[in-house]
Protein backbone atom coordinates (compact mmCIF):
# COMPACT_ATOMS: atom_id res chain seq x y z
CA MET A 1 16.78 4.25 -1.91
CA SER A 2 16.61 2.19 1.26
CA SER A 3 13.57 0.22 2.31
CA PRO A 4 11.89 0.76 5.69
CA SER A 5 13.25 -1.23 8.61
CA PHE A 6 11.72 -4.61 9.39
CA LEU A 7 10.06 -3.18 12.51
CA ASP A 8 8.58 -0.26 10.55
CA LYS A 9 7.21 -2.70 7.95
CA VAL A 10 5.61 -4.86 10.64
CA LYS A 11 4.02 -1.83 12.30
CA SER A 12 2.65 -0.61 8.99
CA ILE A 13 1.25 -4.02 8.04
CA ILE A 14 -0.40 -4.48 11.45
CA LYS A 15 -1.92 -1.00 11.36
CA ASP A 16 -3.26 -1.33 7.80
CA THR A 17 -4.54 -4.90 8.28
CA SER A 18 -6.30 -4.00 11.53
CA LYS A 19 -7.97 -0.98 9.94
CA HIS A 20 -9.00 -3.09 6.94
CA LEU A 21 -10.54 -5.84 9.08
CA VAL A 22 -12.28 -3.51 11.55
CA ASN A 23 -13.95 -1.72 8.63
CA GLY A 24 -15.33 -4.90 7.08
CA ALA A 25 -12.40 -5.94 4.87
CA LYS A 26 -13.82 -4.05 1.89
CA ASN A 27 -11.93 -3.54 -1.34
CA VAL A 28 -12.13 -0.67 -3.80
CA PRO A 29 -13.77 -1.23 -7.21
CA LYS A 30 -11.49 -2.61 -9.93
CA GLU A 31 -11.24 0.79 -11.66
CA GLU A 32 -10.01 2.45 -8.46
CA TYR A 33 -7.51 -0.36 -7.87
CA LEU A 34 -6.13 0.10 -11.39
CA ARG A 35 -5.89 3.87 -10.88
CA ARG A 36 -4.00 3.38 -7.61
CA ALA A 37 -1.71 0.73 -9.11
CA THR A 38 -0.87 3.04 -12.01
CA ILE A 39 0.06 5.82 -9.58
CA CYS A 40 2.21 3.43 -7.52
CA ASN A 41 3.97 1.99 -10.55
CA SER A 42 5.03 5.47 -11.66
CA CYS A 43 6.12 6.64 -8.19
CA ILE A 44 9.83 7.16 -7.43
CA HIS A 45 9.34 5.28 -4.14
CA PHE A 46 7.96 2.12 -5.78
CA ILE A 47 10.32 -0.87 -5.63
CA GLU A 48 9.34 -2.70 -8.80
CA LYS A 49 11.32 -5.92 -8.30
CA GLU A 50 9.59 -6.45 -4.93
CA ASN A 51 6.25 -4.81 -5.84
CA LYS A 52 6.54 -2.80 -2.62
CA CYS A 53 6.26 0.77 -1.49
CA GLY A 54 9.65 2.11 -0.48
CA ILE A 55 8.05 4.33 2.17
CA CYS A 56 5.81 1.90 4.10
CA GLY A 57 7.11 -1.43 2.79
CA CYS A 58 3.64 -2.72 1.92
CA LEU A 59 2.92 -5.01 -1.01
CA MET A 60 1.18 -2.72 -3.44
CA ASP A 61 -1.02 -5.31 -5.13
CA VAL A 62 -2.64 -5.79 -1.70
CA LYS A 63 -2.57 -2.28 -0.26
CA ALA A 64 -3.97 -0.66 -3.41
CA LYS A 65 -7.04 -2.94 -3.22
CA TRP A 66 -8.01 -2.19 0.35
CA LYS A 67 -10.64 0.52 0.70
CA THR A 68 -9.15 1.75 3.99
CA SER A 69 -5.56 2.02 2.71
CA GLU A 70 -3.89 5.31 1.92
CA CYS A 71 -0.73 6.19 0.07
CA PRO A 72 1.94 7.38 2.53
CA LYS A 73 2.61 10.28 0.13
CA ASN A 74 -1.11 11.15 -0.23
CA LYS A 75 -1.15 10.33 -3.94
CA TRP A 76 -4.40 8.36 -3.55
């Protein structure tokens, strides 16, 4: 499976970071983070050695914490 292009990763990171900051930089509760992380870790698109999503290219230990983030496959 190929990873998103560098430009696509940058666009995704800028979009998600902006949304996170504009909405008060809030994180989900620990239980929700663990639920999201479990879903990501079992996903076929998860790149374990890089801890990244193979669809959006985001670091999952960060993205799964942000309240405003969404899975690109609508799994959470």
